[in-house]
């Protein structure tokens, strides 16, 4: 009887290991990717069936901010993220001591300036209130856009990390308010001009190609990247995702869906 119980216990343990390994194998074919809702999560949804054909399950987690997607990838709670430009990533790594790394570039979102009070940038009044993103890279991006259109002058017009301290001339005496990027569309009824990232502009129902008073050109260097870690960027599943994100099918989707508000970077 004792020998029978020992044998039964051994069989149960073996079955448990088999079940566990089966679950692990299934999980090994899954990728969890953090993204902002528009356009990143929308683009990833188009990628899901392409990856499924490659045997990889894609789970998309949508975030409303720019900090948690990086933090959770760095902490290995999530595999990858897709929402940011290289200047933002570089500054995040520098400030947080992380080592997140680029996997592939996917698209460009021309950054724009919007207003509900003005029909043209020429109507911008003296002493106008202007809202900007408060994270370093997007704050600089907003200042560079204003400088390119002669509204301010910067010490170095090509400095991707320029700050308000680098403004050498402000002929219209613009008053700047810095807020979290996701909050900027909500300021449109209160301020004269808001500098808004395209993903948040689209989510707020704005059409960058029609509604922006100022907008970056197609030569914008601010590509949005798929980002991972040194330990997973060469993972075959990750490389399959990178290939799918830069496929002809996704290029056609971006061009048809966003009509110039989002541009393929491949």
C-alpha atoms as a PDB file:
ATOM      1  CA  UNK A   1       0.000   0.000   0.000  1.00  0.00           C
ATOM      2  CA  UNK A   2       2.838   2.345   0.920  1.00  0.00           C
ATOM      3  CA  UNK A   3       4.613   1.619  -2.381  1.00  0.00           C
ATOM      4  CA  UNK A   4       1.366   2.324  -4.240  1.00  0.00           C
ATOM      5  CA  UNK A   5       0.968   5.712  -2.559  1.00  0.00           C
ATOM      6  CA  UNK A   6       4.570   6.648  -3.357  1.00  0.00           C
ATOM      7  CA  UNK A   7       4.086   5.693  -7.014  1.00  0.00           C
ATOM      8  CA  UNK A   8       0.822   7.678  -7.186  1.00  0.00           C
ATOM      9  CA  UNK A   9       2.515  10.739  -5.679  1.00  0.00           C
ATOM     10  CA  UNK A  10       5.309  10.497  -8.232  1.00  0.00           C
ATOM     11  CA  UNK A  11       2.802  10.332 -11.087  1.00  0.00           C
ATOM     12  CA  UNK A  12       0.919  13.370  -9.796  1.00  0.00           C
ATOM     13  CA  UNK A  13       4.152  15.335  -9.462  1.00  0.00           C
ATOM     14  CA  UNK A  14       5.123  14.422 -13.021  1.00  0.00           C
ATOM     15  CA  UNK A  15       1.701  15.468 -14.301  1.00  0.00           C
ATOM     16  CA  UNK A  16       2.010  18.757 -12.455  1.00  0.00           C
ATOM     17  CA  UNK A  17       5.401  19.446 -14.043  1.00  0.00           C
ATOM     18  CA  UNK A  18       4.019  18.631 -17.466  1.00  0.00           C
ATOM     19  CA  UNK A  19       1.095  21.000 -16.944  1.00  0.00           C
ATOM     20  CA  UNK A  20       3.398  23.745 -15.676  1.00  0.00           C
ATOM     21  CA  UNK A  21       5.779  23.363 -18.608  1.00  0.00           C
ATOM     22  CA  UNK A  22       2.868  23.491 -21.012  1.00  0.00           C
ATOM     23  CA  UNK A  23       1.724  26.783 -19.531  1.00  0.00           C
ATOM     24  CA  UNK A  24       5.251  28.166 -19.680  1.00  0.00           C
ATOM     25  CA  UNK A  25       5.531  27.232 -23.345  1.00  0.00           C
ATOM     26  CA  UNK A  26       2.276  29.035 -24.068  1.00  0.00           C
ATOM     27  CA  UNK A  27       3.432  32.127 -22.189  1.00  0.00           C
ATOM     28  CA  UNK A  28       6.742  32.074 -24.034  1.00  0.00           C
ATOM     29  CA  UNK A  29       4.887  32.823 -27.275  1.00  0.00           C
ATOM     30  CA  UNK A  30       3.167  35.898 -25.811  1.00  0.00           C
ATOM     31  CA  UNK A  31       4.374  39.504 -25.901  1.00  0.00           C
ATOM     32  CA  UNK A  32       2.925  42.248 -23.706  1.00  0.00           C
ATOM     33  CA  UNK A  33       3.377  45.735 -25.167  1.00  0.00           C
ATOM     34  CA  UNK A  34       2.557  49.062 -23.499  1.00  0.00           C
ATOM     35  CA  UNK A  35       1.225  51.818 -25.755  1.00  0.00           C
ATOM     36  CA  UNK A  36      -0.671  55.071 -25.735  1.00  0.00           C
ATOM     37  CA  UNK A  37      -4.163  54.770 -27.199  1.00  0.00           C
ATOM     38  CA  UNK A  38      -3.812  56.728 -30.455  1.00  0.00           C
ATOM     39  CA  UNK A  39      -2.201  55.867 -32.794  1.00  0.00           C
ATOM     40  CA  UNK A  40       0.101  53.335 -31.138  1.00  0.00           C
ATOM     41  CA  UNK A  41      -2.488  50.891 -29.770  1.00  0.00           C
ATOM     42  CA  UNK A  42      -4.512  51.221 -32.977  1.00  0.00           C
ATOM     43  CA  UNK A  43      -1.465  50.265 -35.044  1.00  0.00           C
ATOM     44  CA  UNK A  44      -0.649  47.364 -32.720  1.00  0.00           C
ATOM     45  CA  UNK A  45      -4.195  46.014 -33.127  1.00  0.00           C
ATOM     46  CA  UNK A  46      -3.544  45.782 -36.862  1.00  0.00           C
ATOM     47  CA  UNK A  47      -0.354  43.858 -36.126  1.00  0.00           C
ATOM     48  CA  UNK A  48      -2.044  41.211 -33.944  1.00  0.00           C
ATOM     49  CA  UNK A  49      -3.265  38.967 -36.792  1.00  0.00           C
ATOM     50  CA  UNK A  50       0.096  39.265 -38.571  1.00  0.00           C
ATOM     51  CA  UNK A  51       1.887  38.079 -35.425  1.00  0.00           C
ATOM     52  CA  UNK A  52      -0.680  35.352 -34.791  1.00  0.00           C
ATOM     53  CA  UNK A  53       0.325  33.822 -38.126  1.00  0.00           C
ATOM     54  CA  UNK A  54       3.876  33.721 -36.747  1.00  0.00           C
ATOM     55  CA  UNK A  55       2.694  31.939 -33.600  1.00  0.00           C
ATOM     56  CA  UNK A  56       3.038  34.965 -31.316  1.00  0.00           C
ATOM     57  CA  UNK A  57       0.174  36.274 -29.174  1.00  0.00           C
ATOM     58  CA  UNK A  58       0.210  40.057 -28.722  1.00  0.00           C
ATOM     59  CA  UNK A  59      -1.313  41.663 -25.625  1.00  0.00           C
ATOM     60  CA  UNK A  60      -1.682  45.452 -25.708  1.00  0.00           C
ATOM     61  CA  UNK A  61      -1.784  47.478 -22.500  1.00  0.00           C
ATOM     62  CA  UNK A  62      -2.927  51.070 -22.986  1.00  0.00           C
ATOM     63  CA  UNK A  63      -1.477  53.863 -20.842  1.00  0.00           C
ATOM     64  CA  UNK A  64      -2.442  57.521 -20.646  1.00  0.00           C
ATOM     65  CA  UNK A  65       0.983  58.779 -19.526  1.00  0.00           C
ATOM     66  CA  UNK A  66       4.579  58.623 -20.718  1.00  0.00           C
ATOM     67  CA  UNK A  67       6.250  57.384 -17.509  1.00  0.00           C
ATOM     68  CA  UNK A  68       4.645  54.054 -16.578  1.00  0.00           C
ATOM     69  CA  UNK A  69       5.240  52.387 -19.973  1.00  0.00           C
ATOM     70  CA  UNK A  70       9.000  52.843 -19.526  1.00  0.00           C
ATOM     71  CA  UNK A  71       9.016  52.064 -15.811  1.00  0.00           C
ATOM     72  CA  UNK A  72       7.159  48.796 -16.296  1.00  0.00           C
ATOM     73  CA  UNK A  73       9.392  47.661 -19.148  1.00  0.00           C
ATOM     74  CA  UNK A  74      12.487  48.479 -17.074  1.00  0.00           C
ATOM     75  CA  UNK A  75      11.022  46.476 -14.165  1.00  0.00           C
ATOM     76  CA  UNK A  76      10.199  43.566 -16.525  1.00  0.00           C
ATOM     77  CA  UNK A  77       6.489  43.770 -15.732  1.00  0.00           C
ATOM     78  CA  UNK A  78       5.906  44.355 -19.465  1.00  0.00           C
ATOM     79  CA  UNK A  79       8.012  43.198 -22.406  1.00  0.00           C
ATOM     80  CA  UNK A  80       8.093  46.277 -24.639  1.00  0.00           C
ATOM     81  CA  UNK A  81       6.551  49.664 -25.236  1.00  0.00           C
ATOM     82  CA  UNK A  82       5.645  51.721 -28.262  1.00  0.00           C
ATOM     83  CA  UNK A  83       4.953  55.418 -27.726  1.00  0.00           C
ATOM     84  CA  UNK A  84       8.155  57.490 -27.605  1.00  0.00           C
ATOM     85  CA  UNK A  85      10.846  59.324 -29.536  1.00  0.00           C
ATOM     86  CA  UNK A  86      14.599  58.880 -29.097  1.00  0.00           C
ATOM     87  CA  UNK A  87      15.145  62.239 -27.328  1.00  0.00           C
ATOM     88  CA  UNK A  88      12.472  61.288 -24.785  1.00  0.00           C
ATOM     89  CA  UNK A  89      13.968  57.823 -24.306  1.00  0.00           C
ATOM     90  CA  UNK A  90      17.493  59.198 -23.914  1.00  0.00           C
ATOM     91  CA  UNK A  91      16.384  61.691 -21.283  1.00  0.00           C
ATOM     92  CA  UNK A  92      14.343  59.080 -19.427  1.00  0.00           C
ATOM     93  CA  UNK A  93      17.314  56.702 -19.313  1.00  0.00           C
ATOM     94  CA  UNK A  94      19.566  59.508 -18.105  1.00  0.00           C
ATOM     95  CA  UNK A  95      17.211  60.694 -15.375  1.00  0.00           C
ATOM     96  CA  UNK A  96      16.047  57.267 -14.141  1.00  0.00           C
ATOM     97  CA  UNK A  97      19.257  55.296 -14.575  1.00  0.00           C
ATOM     98  CA  UNK A  98      17.541  52.794 -16.877  1.00  0.00           C
ATOM     99  CA  UNK A  99      18.970  51.119 -19.961  1.00  0.00           C
ATOM    100  CA  UNK A 100      15.975  50.825 -22.258  1.00  0.00           C
ATOM    101  CA  UNK A 101      16.881  50.397 -25.897  1.00  0.00           C
ATOM    102  CA  UNK A 102      15.409  50.961 -29.348  1.00  0.00           C
ATOM    103  CA  UNK A 103      14.178  47.952 -31.317  1.00  0.00           C
ATOM    104  CA  UNK A 104      12.860  49.630 -34.471  1.00  0.00           C
ATOM    105  CA  UNK A 105      11.405  52.925 -35.718  1.00  0.00           C
ATOM    106  CA  UNK A 106       7.794  52.840 -36.847  1.00  0.00           C
ATOM    107  CA  UNK A 107       6.200  56.232 -37.465  1.00  0.00           C
ATOM    108  CA  UNK A 108       6.413  60.018 -37.152  1.00  0.00           C
ATOM    109  CA  UNK A 109       3.717  62.161 -35.564  1.00  0.00           C
ATOM    110  CA  UNK A 110       4.203  65.753 -36.724  1.00  0.00           C
ATOM    111  CA  UNK A 111       3.991  67.885 -33.552  1.00  0.00           C
ATOM    112  CA  UNK A 112       1.518  70.784 -33.728  1.00  0.00           C
ATOM    113  CA  UNK A 113       0.275  74.024 -32.175  1.00  0.00           C
ATOM    114  CA  UNK A 114      -3.497  74.362 -31.727  1.00  0.00           C
ATOM    115  CA  UNK A 115      -5.978  77.053 -30.723  1.00  0.00           C
ATOM    116  CA  UNK A 116      -9.725  77.431 -30.267  1.00  0.00           C
ATOM    117  CA  UNK A 117      -9.435  81.216 -30.121  1.00  0.00           C
ATOM    118  CA  UNK A 118      -7.346  81.856 -33.232  1.00  0.00           C
ATOM    119  CA  UNK A 119      -7.836  81.028 -36.893  1.00  0.00           C
ATOM    120  CA  UNK A 120      -4.249  81.829 -37.836  1.00  0.00           C
ATOM    121  CA  UNK A 121      -0.936  82.027 -36.013  1.00  0.00           C
ATOM    122  CA  UNK A 122      -0.706  85.631 -37.233  1.00  0.00           C
ATOM    123  CA  UNK A 123      -3.544  86.434 -34.798  1.00  0.00           C
ATOM    124  CA  UNK A 124      -1.474  85.376 -31.781  1.00  0.00           C
ATOM    125  CA  UNK A 125      -1.677  88.422 -29.465  1.00  0.00           C
ATOM    126  CA  UNK A 126       1.060  90.084 -27.476  1.00  0.00           C
ATOM    127  CA  UNK A 127       1.282  88.438 -24.039  1.00  0.00           C
ATOM    128  CA  UNK A 128      -0.501  85.281 -25.242  1.00  0.00           C
ATOM    129  CA  UNK A 129      -0.644  82.289 -22.899  1.00  0.00           C
ATOM    130  CA  UNK A 130       0.922  79.172 -24.401  1.00  0.00           C
ATOM    131  CA  UNK A 131       0.854  75.669 -22.876  1.00  0.00           C
ATOM    132  CA  UNK A 132       3.704  73.216 -23.458  1.00  0.00           C
ATOM    133  CA  UNK A 133       4.464  69.611 -22.459  1.00  0.00           C
ATOM    134  CA  UNK A 134       6.461  69.489 -19.227  1.00  0.00           C
ATOM    135  CA  UNK A 135       8.707  66.524 -20.045  1.00  0.00           C
ATOM    136  CA  UNK A 136      12.149  67.669 -21.252  1.00  0.00           C
ATOM    137  CA  UNK A 137      12.184  66.265 -24.790  1.00  0.00           C
ATOM    138  CA  UNK A 138       8.654  67.330 -25.781  1.00  0.00           C
ATOM    139  CA  UNK A 139       9.081  70.680 -24.063  1.00  0.00           C
ATOM    140  CA  UNK A 140      12.134  71.291 -26.237  1.00  0.00           C
ATOM    141  CA  UNK A 141      10.280  70.054 -29.299  1.00  0.00           C
ATOM    142  CA  UNK A 142       7.558  72.639 -28.680  1.00  0.00           C
ATOM    143  CA  UNK A 143      10.095  75.448 -28.246  1.00  0.00           C
ATOM    144  CA  UNK A 144      11.909  74.412 -31.432  1.00  0.00           C
ATOM    145  CA  UNK A 145       8.630  74.542 -33.385  1.00  0.00           C
ATOM    146  CA  UNK A 146       7.913  78.051 -32.089  1.00  0.00           C
ATOM    147  CA  UNK A 147      11.466  79.115 -32.911  1.00  0.00           C
ATOM    148  CA  UNK A 148      11.262  77.776 -36.477  1.00  0.00           C
ATOM    149  CA  UNK A 149       8.271  80.050 -37.053  1.00  0.00           C
ATOM    150  CA  UNK A 150       9.937  83.131 -35.569  1.00  0.00           C
ATOM    151  CA  UNK A 151       7.798  83.379 -32.432  1.00  0.00           C
ATOM    152  CA  UNK A 152      10.841  83.020 -30.169  1.00  0.00           C
ATOM    153  CA  UNK A 153      14.608  82.830 -30.651  1.00  0.00           C
ATOM    154  CA  UNK A 154      16.707  80.100 -29.050  1.00  0.00           C
ATOM    155  CA  UNK A 155      20.387  80.149 -28.206  1.00  0.00           C
ATOM    156  CA  UNK A 156      20.804  76.998 -30.324  1.00  0.00           C
ATOM    157  CA  UNK A 157      17.902  76.424 -32.757  1.00  0.00           C
ATOM    158  CA  UNK A 158      18.895  72.760 -33.139  1.00  0.00           C
ATOM    159  CA  UNK A 159      19.205  71.861 -29.456  1.00  0.00           C
ATOM    160  CA  UNK A 160      16.875  68.891 -28.846  1.00  0.00           C
ATOM    161  CA  UNK A 161      16.942  69.632 -25.100  1.00  0.00           C
ATOM    162  CA  UNK A 162      16.478  73.406 -25.202  1.00  0.00           C
ATOM    163  CA  UNK A 163      14.573  74.929 -22.275  1.00  0.00           C
ATOM    164  CA  UNK A 164      12.938  78.261 -21.575  1.00  0.00           C
ATOM    165  CA  UNK A 165      16.281  79.390 -20.154  1.00  0.00           C
ATOM    166  CA  UNK A 166      17.650  79.140 -23.722  1.00  0.00           C
ATOM    167  CA  UNK A 167      15.150  81.672 -25.101  1.00  0.00           C
ATOM    168  CA  UNK A 168      17.123  84.750 -26.163  1.00  0.00           C
ATOM    169  CA  UNK A 169      14.205  86.694 -27.665  1.00  0.00           C
ATOM    170  CA  UNK A 170      10.447  86.614 -27.060  1.00  0.00           C
ATOM    171  CA  UNK A 171       9.087  89.520 -29.120  1.00  0.00           C
ATOM    172  CA  UNK A 172       5.416  88.711 -28.409  1.00  0.00           C
ATOM    173  CA  UNK A 173       6.071  88.332 -24.661  1.00  0.00           C
ATOM    174  CA  UNK A 174       4.538  84.863 -24.691  1.00  0.00           C
ATOM    175  CA  UNK A 175       3.658  83.444 -21.279  1.00  0.00           C
ATOM    176  CA  UNK A 176       4.419  79.745 -20.998  1.00  0.00           C
ATOM    177  CA  UNK A 177       2.683  77.150 -18.830  1.00  0.00           C
ATOM    178  CA  UNK A 178       4.098  73.633 -18.650  1.00  0.00           C
ATOM    179  CA  UNK A 179       1.762  70.680 -18.051  1.00  0.00           C
ATOM    180  CA  UNK A 180       1.744  66.923 -18.451  1.00  0.00           C
ATOM    181  CA  UNK A 181       1.387  66.164 -22.166  1.00  0.00           C
ATOM    182  CA  UNK A 182      -1.902  64.287 -21.755  1.00  0.00           C
ATOM    183  CA  UNK A 183      -3.514  67.364 -20.144  1.00  0.00           C
ATOM    184  CA  UNK A 184      -2.764  69.801 -22.966  1.00  0.00           C
ATOM    185  CA  UNK A 185      -5.911  69.279 -25.115  1.00  0.00           C
ATOM    186  CA  UNK A 186      -8.001  70.221 -22.054  1.00  0.00           C
ATOM    187  CA  UNK A 187      -6.349  73.651 -21.923  1.00  0.00           C
ATOM    188  CA  UNK A 188      -7.568  74.739 -25.358  1.00  0.00           C
ATOM    189  CA  UNK A 189     -10.573  76.635 -23.993  1.00  0.00           C
ATOM    190  CA  UNK A 190      -8.401  78.500 -21.485  1.00  0.00           C
ATOM    191  CA  UNK A 191      -5.274  79.514 -23.402  1.00  0.00           C
ATOM    192  CA  UNK A 192      -4.350  81.153 -26.685  1.00  0.00           C
ATOM    193  CA  UNK A 193      -2.147  78.347 -27.980  1.00  0.00           C
ATOM    194  CA  UNK A 194      -1.357  74.764 -26.937  1.00  0.00           C
ATOM    195  CA  UNK A 195       1.540  72.693 -28.238  1.00  0.00           C
ATOM    196  CA  UNK A 196       0.224  69.123 -28.370  1.00  0.00           C
ATOM    197  CA  UNK A 197       1.693  65.731 -29.257  1.00  0.00           C
ATOM    198  CA  UNK A 198      -0.204  64.221 -32.162  1.00  0.00           C
ATOM    199  CA  UNK A 199      -1.307  61.108 -30.258  1.00  0.00           C
ATOM    200  CA  UNK A 200      -3.115  63.296 -27.715  1.00  0.00           C
ATOM    201  CA  UNK A 201      -4.394  65.635 -30.431  1.00  0.00           C
ATOM    202  CA  UNK A 202      -5.943  62.701 -32.305  1.00  0.00           C
ATOM    203  CA  UNK A 203      -7.446  61.297 -29.107  1.00  0.00           C
ATOM    204  CA  UNK A 204      -9.056  64.705 -28.483  1.00  0.00           C
ATOM    205  CA  UNK A 205     -10.666  64.727 -31.926  1.00  0.00           C
ATOM    206  CA  UNK A 206      -8.234  67.180 -33.501  1.00  0.00           C
ATOM    207  CA  UNK A 207      -7.033  66.720 -37.069  1.00  0.00           C
ATOM    208  CA  UNK A 208      -3.366  67.769 -37.194  1.00  0.00           C
ATOM    209  CA  UNK A 209      -3.365  68.347 -40.945  1.00  0.00           C
ATOM    210  CA  UNK A 210      -6.406  70.647 -40.733  1.00  0.00           C
ATOM    211  CA  UNK A 211      -6.515  72.057 -37.207  1.00  0.00           C
ATOM    212  CA  UNK A 212      -2.868  72.764 -36.374  1.00  0.00           C
ATOM    213  CA  UNK A 213      -1.793  76.394 -36.794  1.00  0.00           C
ATOM    214  CA  UNK A 214       1.832  75.237 -36.805  1.00  0.00           C
ATOM    215  CA  UNK A 215       3.052  71.709 -37.522  1.00  0.00           C
ATOM    216  CA  UNK A 216       6.331  69.909 -38.087  1.00  0.00           C
ATOM    217  CA  UNK A 217       7.181  68.847 -41.612  1.00  0.00           C
ATOM    218  CA  UNK A 218       7.731  65.357 -43.009  1.00  0.00           C
ATOM    219  CA  UNK A 219      11.426  65.757 -42.217  1.00  0.00           C
ATOM    220  CA  UNK A 220      10.742  65.646 -38.470  1.00  0.00           C
ATOM    221  CA  UNK A 221      13.488  63.631 -36.715  1.00  0.00           C
ATOM    222  CA  UNK A 222      11.066  62.557 -33.970  1.00  0.00           C
ATOM    223  CA  UNK A 223      10.413  58.953 -34.968  1.00  0.00           C
ATOM    224  CA  UNK A 224       8.256  56.866 -32.606  1.00  0.00           C
ATOM    225  CA  UNK A 225      10.031  53.652 -31.634  1.00  0.00           C
ATOM    226  CA  UNK A 226       9.318  50.175 -30.385  1.00  0.00           C
ATOM    227  CA  UNK A 227      11.454  49.974 -27.223  1.00  0.00           C
ATOM    228  CA  UNK A 228      12.692  47.071 -25.135  1.00  0.00           C
ATOM    229  CA  UNK A 229      15.619  46.049 -22.966  1.00  0.00           C
ATOM    230  CA  UNK A 230      19.093  44.746 -23.832  1.00  0.00           C
ATOM    231  CA  UNK A 231      18.024  41.288 -22.601  1.00  0.00           C
ATOM    232  CA  UNK A 232      15.012  40.972 -24.933  1.00  0.00           C
ATOM    233  CA  UNK A 233      15.554  43.194 -27.977  1.00  0.00           C
ATOM    234  CA  UNK A 234      16.988  40.288 -30.001  1.00  0.00           C
ATOM    235  CA  UNK A 235      14.347  37.787 -28.830  1.00  0.00           C
ATOM    236  CA  UNK A 236      12.841  36.086 -31.935  1.00  0.00           C
ATOM    237  CA  UNK A 237       9.316  37.100 -30.812  1.00  0.00           C
ATOM    238  CA  UNK A 238      10.397  40.732 -30.538  1.00  0.00           C
ATOM    239  CA  UNK A 239      12.029  40.629 -33.956  1.00  0.00           C
ATOM    240  CA  UNK A 240       8.826  39.187 -35.420  1.00  0.00           C
ATOM    241  CA  UNK A 241       6.912  42.119 -33.925  1.00  0.00           C
ATOM    242  CA  UNK A 242       9.453  44.600 -35.308  1.00  0.00           C
ATOM    243  CA  UNK A 243       9.129  43.036 -38.763  1.00  0.00           C
ATOM    244  CA  UNK A 244       5.325  43.141 -38.616  1.00  0.00           C
ATOM    245  CA  UNK A 245       5.282  46.788 -37.471  1.00  0.00           C
ATOM    246  CA  UNK A 246       7.362  47.773 -40.498  1.00  0.00           C
ATOM    247  CA  UNK A 247       5.537  45.610 -43.022  1.00  0.00           C
ATOM    248  CA  UNK A 248       3.822  46.847 -46.207  1.00  0.00           C
ATOM    249  CA  UNK A 249       0.436  46.069 -44.607  1.00  0.00           C
ATOM    250  CA  UNK A 250       1.084  48.404 -41.672  1.00  0.00           C
ATOM    251  CA  UNK A 251       2.523  51.117 -43.907  1.00  0.00           C
ATOM    252  CA  UNK A 252      -0.665  51.056 -45.981  1.00  0.00           C
ATOM    253  CA  UNK A 253      -2.807  51.132 -42.826  1.00  0.00           C
ATOM    254  CA  UNK A 254      -0.983  54.182 -41.420  1.00  0.00           C
ATOM    255  CA  UNK A 255      -1.255  56.073 -44.704  1.00  0.00           C
ATOM    256  CA  UNK A 256      -4.952  55.294 -45.191  1.00  0.00           C
ATOM    257  CA  UNK A 257      -6.078  55.669 -41.576  1.00  0.00           C
ATOM    258  CA  UNK A 258      -4.304  58.898 -40.617  1.00  0.00           C
ATOM    259  CA  UNK A 259      -4.108  60.769 -43.921  1.00  0.00           C
ATOM    260  CA  UNK A 260      -0.819  62.535 -43.154  1.00  0.00           C
ATOM    261  CA  UNK A 261      -1.399  63.096 -39.416  1.00  0.00           C
ATOM    262  CA  UNK A 262       0.829  60.075 -38.814  1.00  0.00           C
ATOM    263  CA  UNK A 263       3.585  59.165 -41.288  1.00  0.00           C
ATOM    264  CA  UNK A 264       5.374  55.817 -41.757  1.00  0.00           C
ATOM    265  CA  UNK A 265       9.071  56.103 -40.856  1.00  0.00           C
ATOM    266  CA  UNK A 266      10.099  53.062 -42.923  1.00  0.00           C
END
